[in-house]
Amino acid sequence: MEQVRKGERRRDPNGPRPLADAVLRLIWRERRISRAAIAQRASLSRSTVSEVVSEILPTGLVSEVGLGKSRGGRRPVLLEFQDDACVILGVEMGASHVAVALTDLRANVLVWEVREHPVRTDPEGTRALIAELAEACLGNGAREGRPLVGIGVALPCPFDPAHPEQLSSIVLPAWKGRLGLDDLSERFGVPVMVDNDANLGALAEHWWGAGRGVDDFAYIKLATGIGSGHIIGGDIYRGATGVAGEIGHTAIDPGGKPCICGLRGCLVTMIGTPALLERAEELLKKRPDSALAGRRFDIRDLEEAALNGDQVALQVAQEAAGHLGIVVAGLLNLMNPSMVVVGGDLVGLGELLLVPLRETARSRTLVSSVKAAEIKASELGPRSVAIGAATLVLKAALEDSRLFPTVENHAVASIRRQRR
């Protein structure tokens, strides 16, 4: 995996083979299965399956859990993947917050920590906060001493797998192009894997949310910045240099407001969180009767006001849906996805946002393109990106099970850290 960074465990040449990894993935997918069923599904001999399973069992990832139904012979011994054998940390670096999720090996969130923070302008503080929240998650009793597989980190900017340490100097100028999370890897003794936040939102929806079973869809994240992640043929599409999906910098009004990218009238200047709040302030000058008038408010207040029927908030949401619909229409015509999943800010509005979005997209696309696509809200809510970050680690470990720590290796590592 190109996302594995400094701190990756040394891979034992005598560790599990690709065949063992394939069998482990099958057990993970099925959750509970017999050796005979594995042999049938994987077209392997029973002796080969027995040999491979004997290799997997000592890892603690799979256990024998009883007998299954007989089909005429002896009742088969069932193997079950142990979702709680290890834990994973998923980190979301937003533009103005850091969130950390501790999950099991089925992406169930065991602990959730989030804190507002000026990520874009305070790199050192952000790095320290990530470590602090990670410690808080791991120190929570929900971990129960289980070993940590790795840490996934979602970035609020483009990510090039060929240059994982380099950050966009345009989106995050204060970071001076350097991620600087090597200390995080060394501190926890696990690999740190990195990708763009919208890509990881798409990954999460593909594995656990609205995009389950859908091999071609787009995920759009609405936040301070606007980005999209694309699943094509079941995999994340990143483009030649990792900037695929930067729809927030689609210029839809050449005479519009200047954007940090150097263009004018980009989508993000119209529907990014600061732009939405600014638009609401502008409308309030003519609507002093609004529930938002005379007080400070944030995007959550704006969403709540719209749900309560406030006309200013509703107008902001409808305008945002119209602007987004123009870009979604282009996406449908260009990529022809079978689904568009919208996540992030304002998604709690549900149909108040999705209906005008669908109408705008429908009016600007080829009939065949829009007919094939379903536009819906994220099923994972505000935790989708952090869950996607954890899923990035899980995906890597299922592809190469040597990334999973065994119980023995975890105990040895713990002793070493205590001696430092």
Protein backbone atom coordinates (compact mmCIF):
# COMPACT_ATOMS: atom_id res chain seq x y z
CA MET A 1 0.00 0.00 0.00
CA GLU A 2 1.46 3.33 -1.00
CA GLN A 3 -0.25 5.00 1.99
CA VAL A 4 1.81 3.05 4.57
CA ARG A 5 4.19 5.49 6.16
CA LYS A 6 7.07 5.46 8.60
CA GLY A 7 6.44 3.09 11.48
CA GLU A 8 5.20 0.20 9.35
CA ARG A 9 5.81 -3.11 11.07
CA ARG A 10 8.68 -5.12 9.67
CA ARG A 11 7.13 -7.79 7.51
CA ASP A 12 8.15 -11.33 8.40
CA PRO A 13 9.11 -13.26 5.24
CA ASN A 14 7.76 -16.35 7.01
CA GLY A 15 4.47 -14.67 7.77
CA PRO A 16 1.11 -15.42 6.13
CA ARG A 17 1.20 -15.95 2.38
CA PRO A 18 -1.15 -14.37 -0.16
CA LEU A 19 -3.26 -17.53 -0.02
CA ALA A 20 -3.68 -17.13 3.73
CA ASP A 21 -4.61 -13.48 3.21
CA ALA A 22 -7.28 -14.49 0.68
CA VAL A 23 -8.72 -17.06 3.10
CA LEU A 24 -8.69 -14.51 5.93
CA ARG A 25 -10.57 -12.01 3.75
CA LEU A 26 -13.15 -14.67 2.94
CA ILE A 27 -13.69 -15.42 6.62
CA TRP A 28 -13.93 -11.67 7.31
CA ARG A 29 -16.57 -11.24 4.59
CA GLU A 30 -18.63 -14.25 5.64
CA ARG A 31 -18.08 -13.62 9.37
CA ARG A 32 -18.70 -17.31 10.14
CA ILE A 33 -17.85 -20.20 7.82
CA SER A 34 -16.59 -23.80 7.88
CA ARG A 35 -13.38 -25.16 6.39
CA ALA A 36 -15.42 -27.18 3.90
CA ALA A 37 -17.26 -24.04 2.75
CA ILE A 38 -13.96 -22.20 2.37
CA ALA A 39 -12.62 -25.04 0.21
CA GLN A 40 -15.72 -24.84 -1.97
CA ARG A 41 -15.79 -21.05 -2.25
CA ALA A 42 -12.06 -20.70 -2.93
CA SER A 43 -11.70 -23.84 -5.09
CA LEU A 44 -9.07 -25.26 -2.74
CA SER A 45 -8.50 -28.74 -1.40
CA ARG A 46 -9.60 -29.39 2.16
CA SER A 47 -6.05 -30.24 3.16
CA THR A 48 -4.82 -26.89 1.83
CA VAL A 49 -7.57 -25.06 3.70
CA SER A 50 -6.71 -26.90 6.93
CA GLU A 51 -3.06 -25.93 6.53
CA VAL A 52 -3.91 -22.29 5.87
CA VAL A 53 -6.38 -22.09 8.76
CA SER A 54 -3.78 -23.56 11.12
CA GLU A 55 -1.56 -20.68 10.06
CA ILE A 56 -4.27 -18.09 10.75
CA LEU A 57 -5.62 -19.31 14.09
CA PRO A 58 -2.56 -18.29 16.18
CA THR A 59 -3.06 -14.64 15.12
CA GLY A 60 -6.22 -14.44 17.22
CA LEU A 61 -8.13 -12.95 14.28
CA VAL A 62 -10.15 -16.14 13.77
CA SER A 63 -11.55 -18.57 16.32
CA GLU A 64 -13.32 -21.90 16.24
CA VAL A 65 -16.79 -21.25 17.64
CA GLY A 66 -18.72 -24.51 17.55
CA LEU A 67 -20.35 -26.85 15.11
CA GLY A 68 -22.42 -26.07 12.05
CA LYS A 69 -25.23 -28.05 10.43
CA SER A 70 -24.41 -31.47 9.02
CA ARG A 71 -24.99 -32.30 5.37
CA GLY A 72 -24.81 -36.02 5.84
CA GLY A 73 -21.45 -36.39 7.56
CA ARG A 74 -19.85 -35.02 10.66
CA ARG A 75 -20.96 -31.57 11.71
CA PRO A 76 -18.35 -29.02 10.52
CA VAL A 77 -16.37 -26.82 12.90
CA LEU A 78 -17.24 -23.18 12.30
CA LEU A 79 -14.62 -20.46 12.05
CA GLU A 80 -15.54 -16.92 13.05
CA PHE A 81 -13.67 -13.69 12.38
CA GLN A 82 -13.07 -11.84 15.63
CA ASP A 83 -14.11 -8.25 14.99
CA ASP A 84 -12.94 -7.26 18.45
CA ALA A 85 -9.47 -8.80 18.16
CA CYS A 86 -7.84 -5.42 17.46
CA VAL A 87 -8.70 -1.74 17.22
CA ILE A 88 -8.01 0.99 14.66
CA LEU A 89 -7.83 4.77 14.96
CA GLY A 90 -9.39 6.93 12.26
CA VAL A 91 -8.53 10.65 12.28
CA GLU A 92 -10.33 13.41 10.41
CA MET A 93 -8.46 16.69 10.03
CA GLY A 94 -11.12 19.20 9.10
CA ALA A 95 -10.37 22.79 8.26
CA SER A 96 -11.55 23.83 11.71
CA HIS A 97 -11.75 20.65 13.80
CA VAL A 98 -10.08 17.33 14.57
CA ALA A 99 -12.11 14.17 15.12
CA VAL A 100 -10.80 10.75 16.12
CA ALA A 101 -12.71 7.46 16.08
CA LEU A 102 -11.59 4.23 17.71
CA THR A 103 -13.16 1.33 15.83
CA ASP A 104 -13.14 -2.43 15.85
CA LEU A 105 -12.42 -4.51 12.74
CA ARG A 106 -15.98 -3.99 11.45
CA ALA A 107 -15.83 -0.17 11.68
CA ASN A 108 -18.07 -0.03 14.73
CA VAL A 109 -17.15 3.19 16.56
CA LEU A 110 -16.13 2.36 20.12
CA VAL A 111 -14.96 5.84 21.16
CA TRP A 112 -15.46 9.22 19.49
CA GLU A 113 -13.51 12.37 20.30
CA VAL A 114 -13.88 15.69 18.48
CA ARG A 115 -12.65 19.21 19.16
CA GLU A 116 -12.82 22.50 17.30
CA HIS A 117 -9.38 23.71 16.22
CA PRO A 118 -7.93 26.07 13.57
CA VAL A 119 -6.29 23.24 11.60
CA ARG A 120 -5.46 25.34 8.57
CA THR A 121 -3.45 27.89 10.52
CA ASP A 122 -1.99 25.89 13.42
CA PRO A 123 -0.03 22.82 12.24
CA GLU A 124 1.86 22.22 15.49
CA GLY A 125 -1.28 22.53 17.56
CA THR A 126 -3.10 20.19 15.21
CA ARG A 127 -0.40 17.53 15.43
CA ALA A 128 -0.47 17.76 19.22
CA LEU A 129 -4.26 17.59 19.29
CA ILE A 130 -4.34 14.48 17.09
CA ALA A 131 -1.99 12.74 19.52
CA GLU A 132 -4.01 13.94 22.51
CA LEU A 133 -7.34 12.72 21.12
CA ALA A 134 -5.76 9.44 20.02
CA GLU A 135 -4.49 8.91 23.56
CA ALA A 136 -7.94 9.73 24.91
CA CYS A 137 -9.56 7.13 22.65
CA LEU A 138 -7.01 4.47 23.51
CA GLY A 139 -7.18 5.29 27.21
CA ASN A 140 -10.92 4.78 27.25
CA GLY A 141 -11.95 1.46 28.77
CA ALA A 142 -13.59 0.43 25.48
CA ARG A 143 -10.21 -0.64 24.13
CA GLU A 144 -9.89 -3.37 26.77
CA GLY A 145 -6.19 -3.87 26.07
CA ARG A 146 -6.67 -4.85 22.44
CA PRO A 147 -3.70 -4.14 20.11
CA LEU A 148 -3.80 -1.21 17.70
CA VAL A 149 -3.46 -2.07 14.00
CA GLY A 150 -2.73 1.41 12.68
CA ILE A 151 -3.87 5.00 12.35
CA GLY A 152 -5.66 6.38 9.29
CA VAL A 153 -5.61 10.13 8.71
CA ALA A 154 -7.96 12.09 6.45
CA LEU A 155 -6.56 15.34 5.06
CA PRO A 156 -8.57 18.44 4.09
CA CYS A 157 -6.55 18.86 0.90
CA PRO A 158 -5.38 16.90 -2.15
CA PHE A 159 -3.12 13.93 -1.44
CA ASP A 160 -0.60 12.44 -3.87
CA PRO A 161 0.30 8.84 -2.91
CA ALA A 162 3.63 9.28 -4.71
CA HIS A 163 4.55 12.09 -2.30
CA PRO A 164 2.71 11.27 0.96
CA GLU A 165 4.62 13.76 3.10
CA GLN A 166 3.80 16.75 0.90
CA LEU A 167 0.71 18.85 1.52
CA SER A 168 -0.92 21.46 -0.69
CA SER A 169 0.68 24.84 -0.02
CA ILE A 170 -2.40 26.46 -1.53
CA VAL A 171 -5.00 24.87 0.75
CA LEU A 172 -2.77 24.61 3.85
CA PRO A 173 -0.09 27.32 3.46
CA ALA A 174 0.78 27.43 7.17
CA TRP A 175 1.84 23.77 7.03
CA LYS A 176 4.61 24.69 4.56
CA GLY A 177 3.96 21.56 2.53
CA ARG A 178 4.86 19.16 5.37
CA LEU A 179 2.47 16.76 7.11
CA GLY A 180 4.85 15.92 9.97
CA LEU A 181 3.10 12.95 11.57
CA ASP A 182 6.19 10.73 11.90
CA ASP A 183 6.13 11.27 15.66
CA LEU A 184 2.57 9.91 15.74
CA SER A 185 3.72 6.68 14.14
CA GLU A 186 6.67 6.35 16.50
CA ARG A 187 4.60 7.26 19.55
CA PHE A 188 2.05 4.51 19.01
CA GLY A 189 4.31 2.01 17.25
CA VAL A 190 2.00 1.50 14.28
CA PRO A 191 1.82 2.58 10.64
CA VAL A 192 0.08 5.85 9.78
CA MET A 193 -1.84 5.85 6.50
CA VAL A 194 -3.05 9.00 4.79
CA ASP A 195 -5.54 10.03 2.13
CA ASN A 196 -7.84 12.88 1.13
CA ASP A 197 -10.97 13.34 3.27
CA ALA A 198 -13.47 13.04 0.41
CA ASN A 199 -11.75 9.89 -0.84
CA LEU A 200 -12.10 8.37 2.61
CA GLY A 201 -15.71 9.48 2.88
CA ALA A 202 -16.31 7.61 -0.38
CA LEU A 203 -14.46 4.56 0.96
CA ALA A 204 -16.57 4.54 4.12
CA GLU A 205 -19.83 4.81 2.20
CA HIS A 206 -18.67 2.04 -0.16
CA TRP A 207 -17.88 -0.39 2.66
CA TRP A 208 -20.50 0.52 5.25
CA GLY A 209 -22.98 3.15 4.03
CA ALA A 210 -25.11 4.28 1.12
CA GLY A 211 -22.65 2.94 -1.46
CA ARG A 212 -22.56 -0.67 -0.24
CA GLY A 213 -22.57 -2.94 -3.26
CA VAL A 214 -22.21 0.02 -5.65
CA ASP A 215 -18.99 -0.05 -7.68
CA ASP A 216 -19.34 3.31 -9.45
CA PHE A 217 -20.44 6.31 -7.42
CA ALA A 218 -19.32 9.72 -6.21
CA TYR A 219 -19.24 11.05 -2.66
CA ILE A 220 -19.41 14.82 -2.16
CA LYS A 221 -18.34 16.39 1.11
CA LEU A 222 -19.80 19.78 1.98
CA ALA A 223 -17.73 21.64 4.57
CA THR A 224 -15.36 24.61 4.72
CA GLY A 225 -13.99 23.17 1.50
CA ILE A 226 -15.92 21.15 -1.07
CA GLY A 227 -14.50 17.92 -2.40
CA SER A 228 -15.58 14.68 -3.99
CA GLY A 229 -14.31 11.14 -3.78
CA HIS A 230 -14.92 8.69 -6.61
CA ILE A 231 -15.31 4.94 -6.47
CA ILE A 232 -14.73 3.49 -9.95
CA GLY A 233 -14.81 -0.24 -10.45
CA GLY A 234 -14.91 -0.67 -6.67
CA ASP A 235 -11.70 1.28 -5.98
CA ILE A 236 -10.86 4.90 -5.10
CA TYR A 237 -9.92 6.90 -8.17
CA ARG A 238 -7.23 9.46 -7.35
CA GLY A 239 -6.08 10.66 -10.75
CA ALA A 240 -2.52 11.10 -12.01
CA THR A 241 -1.32 13.23 -9.09
CA GLY A 242 -4.00 12.66 -6.46
CA VAL A 243 -6.17 15.71 -7.17
CA ALA A 244 -9.15 13.95 -8.76
CA GLY A 245 -12.39 15.14 -7.23
CA GLU A 246 -11.50 18.75 -6.43
CA ILE A 247 -14.95 19.90 -7.57
CA GLY A 248 -14.90 22.74 -5.08
CA HIS A 249 -12.62 24.56 -7.51
CA THR A 250 -14.92 24.20 -10.48
CA ALA A 251 -15.44 27.80 -11.62
CA ILE A 252 -19.17 28.26 -12.21
CA ASP A 253 -19.13 32.08 -12.18
CA PRO A 254 -16.05 33.58 -13.90
CA GLY A 255 -16.96 36.98 -12.48
CA GLY A 256 -17.54 35.72 -8.97
CA LYS A 257 -15.57 36.07 -5.75
CA PRO A 258 -11.85 35.24 -5.72
CA CYS A 259 -10.90 31.79 -4.44
CA ILE A 260 -7.76 30.65 -2.59
CA CYS A 261 -6.84 28.64 -5.69
CA GLY A 262 -6.44 31.82 -7.74
CA LEU A 263 -9.63 31.46 -9.79
CA ARG A 264 -12.91 33.31 -9.42
CA GLY A 265 -16.41 32.02 -8.79
CA CYS A 266 -15.38 28.54 -7.67
CA LEU A 267 -18.11 26.36 -6.17
CA VAL A 268 -16.50 26.60 -2.73
CA THR A 269 -16.86 30.42 -2.77
CA MET A 270 -20.61 29.87 -3.04
CA ILE A 271 -21.39 26.85 -0.88
CA GLY A 272 -18.39 26.36 1.43
CA THR A 273 -19.38 26.87 5.07
CA PRO A 274 -17.96 30.42 5.32
CA ALA A 275 -19.78 31.37 2.10
CA LEU A 276 -23.10 30.02 3.40
CA LEU A 277 -22.79 31.94 6.66
CA GLU A 278 -21.83 35.09 4.77
CA ARG A 279 -24.83 34.71 2.47
CA ALA A 280 -27.13 34.30 5.48
CA GLU A 281 -25.74 37.51 7.01
CA GLU A 282 -26.39 39.32 3.75
CA LEU A 283 -30.02 38.12 3.62
CA LEU A 284 -30.60 39.04 7.27
CA LYS A 285 -30.22 42.72 6.39
CA LYS A 286 -33.63 42.48 4.72
CA ARG A 287 -35.15 39.89 7.08
CA PRO A 288 -34.75 41.11 10.68
CA ASP A 289 -37.60 38.76 11.66
CA SER A 290 -35.42 35.68 11.04
CA ALA A 291 -34.56 33.40 13.94
CA LEU A 292 -30.92 33.98 13.03
CA ALA A 293 -31.09 37.77 13.35
CA GLY A 294 -29.24 39.58 16.13
CA ARG A 295 -26.96 36.71 17.20
CA ARG A 296 -23.88 34.80 16.21
CA PHE A 297 -24.61 31.52 14.48
CA ASP A 298 -22.77 28.63 12.88
CA ILE A 299 -23.63 26.09 10.20
CA ARG A 300 -25.49 23.89 12.68
CA ASP A 301 -27.67 26.84 13.70
CA LEU A 302 -28.34 27.54 10.03
CA GLU A 303 -29.38 23.95 9.46
CA GLU A 304 -31.67 23.94 12.52
CA ALA A 305 -33.29 27.19 11.42
CA ALA A 306 -34.01 25.77 7.97
CA LEU A 307 -35.58 22.66 9.49
CA ASN A 308 -37.80 24.98 11.55
CA GLY A 309 -38.93 26.80 8.41
CA ASP A 310 -36.87 29.98 8.74
CA GLN A 311 -37.04 31.71 5.36
CA VAL A 312 -33.48 33.03 5.39
CA ALA A 313 -32.00 29.64 6.21
CA LEU A 314 -34.23 27.94 3.63
CA GLN A 315 -33.16 30.37 0.94
CA VAL A 316 -29.48 29.78 1.73
CA ALA A 317 -30.01 26.01 1.53
CA GLN A 318 -31.95 26.21 -1.73
CA GLU A 319 -29.35 28.44 -3.35
CA ALA A 320 -26.60 26.08 -2.20
CA ALA A 321 -28.50 23.14 -3.67
CA GLY A 322 -28.83 24.99 -6.97
CA HIS A 323 -25.12 25.80 -7.20
CA LEU A 324 -24.17 22.25 -6.24
CA GLY A 325 -26.66 20.87 -8.74
CA ILE A 326 -24.85 22.60 -11.60
CA VAL A 327 -21.61 20.82 -10.72
CA VAL A 328 -23.35 17.52 -10.05
CA ALA A 329 -24.94 17.76 -13.50
CA GLY A 330 -21.49 18.06 -15.05
CA LEU A 331 -20.32 15.13 -12.94
CA LEU A 332 -23.23 12.98 -14.14
CA ASN A 333 -22.57 13.83 -17.77
CA LEU A 334 -18.83 13.24 -17.49
CA MET A 335 -18.57 10.21 -15.19
CA ASN A 336 -22.02 8.59 -15.40
CA PRO A 337 -21.96 7.25 -11.81
CA SER A 338 -24.87 5.15 -10.62
CA MET A 339 -25.10 7.14 -7.39
CA VAL A 340 -24.08 10.46 -5.86
CA VAL A 341 -23.83 10.48 -2.05
CA VAL A 342 -23.80 13.86 -0.33
CA GLY A 343 -22.17 14.17 3.09
CA GLY A 344 -21.01 16.90 5.46
CA ASP A 345 -22.72 20.19 6.28
CA LEU A 346 -26.44 20.72 5.55
CA VAL A 347 -27.03 17.01 4.87
CA GLY A 348 -29.21 16.90 7.97
CA LEU A 349 -31.72 18.91 5.94
CA GLY A 350 -32.55 15.77 4.00
CA GLU A 351 -35.06 16.36 1.24
CA LEU A 352 -34.99 20.14 1.80
CA LEU A 353 -31.52 20.01 0.27
CA LEU A 354 -31.81 16.96 -1.98
CA VAL A 355 -35.03 17.90 -3.83
CA PRO A 356 -33.74 21.19 -5.32
CA LEU A 357 -30.37 19.53 -5.90
CA ARG A 358 -31.99 16.74 -7.91
CA GLU A 359 -34.16 19.20 -9.83
CA THR A 360 -31.17 21.32 -10.87
CA ALA A 361 -29.14 18.28 -11.86
CA ARG A 362 -32.05 16.84 -13.84
CA SER A 363 -32.52 20.07 -15.77
CA ARG A 364 -28.87 20.16 -16.87
CA THR A 365 -28.01 16.56 -17.70
CA LEU A 366 -28.60 14.08 -20.46
CA VAL A 367 -31.73 12.09 -19.72
CA SER A 368 -29.80 8.80 -19.72
CA SER A 369 -27.18 10.15 -17.27
CA VAL A 370 -29.52 11.48 -14.61
CA LYS A 371 -31.92 8.56 -14.99
CA ALA A 372 -29.18 6.12 -14.04
CA ALA A 373 -28.02 8.06 -10.98
CA GLU A 374 -29.54 8.20 -7.53
CA ILE A 375 -28.72 11.28 -5.44
CA LYS A 376 -28.94 10.59 -1.73
CA ALA A 377 -27.59 11.61 1.65
CA SER A 378 -24.77 9.90 3.49
CA GLU A 379 -25.86 7.11 5.80
CA LEU A 380 -22.86 7.55 8.11
CA GLY A 381 -23.38 11.19 9.04
CA PRO A 382 -20.62 13.36 10.52
CA ARG A 383 -18.45 10.35 11.37
CA SER A 384 -18.13 9.11 7.79
CA VAL A 385 -14.66 10.54 7.05
CA ALA A 386 -13.07 9.31 10.30
CA ILE A 387 -14.66 5.90 9.74
CA GLY A 388 -13.20 5.99 6.22
CA ALA A 389 -9.76 6.73 7.66
CA ALA A 390 -10.03 3.66 9.90
CA THR A 391 -11.29 1.64 6.92
CA LEU A 392 -8.17 2.61 4.97
CA VAL A 393 -6.11 0.79 7.61
CA LEU A 394 -8.49 -2.17 7.72
CA LYS A 395 -8.40 -2.51 3.94
CA ALA A 396 -4.59 -2.52 3.94
CA ALA A 397 -4.44 -5.13 6.70
CA LEU A 398 -6.94 -7.42 4.98
CA GLU A 399 -4.81 -7.21 1.84
CA ASP A 400 -1.65 -8.04 3.81
CA SER A 401 -2.46 -9.65 7.16
CA ARG A 402 1.10 -9.15 8.40
CA LEU A 403 -0.04 -5.65 9.31
CA PHE A 404 -2.29 -7.16 11.97
CA PRO A 405 -0.51 -7.41 15.33
CA THR A 406 -0.69 -10.85 16.96
CA VAL A 407 -1.41 -11.08 20.66
CA GLU A 408 2.20 -12.15 21.27
CA ASN A 409 3.66 -9.29 19.22
CA HIS A 410 1.43 -6.81 21.02
CA ALA A 411 2.64 -7.99 24.42
CA VAL A 412 6.30 -7.72 23.37
CA ALA A 413 5.76 -4.22 21.94
CA SER A 414 4.03 -3.08 25.13
CA ILE A 415 6.96 -4.27 27.26
CA ARG A 416 9.43 -2.46 24.99
CA ARG A 417 7.50 0.81 25.22
CA GLN A 418 7.35 0.52 29.03
CA ARG A 419 11.15 0.11 29.18
CA ARG A 420 11.81 3.31 27.20
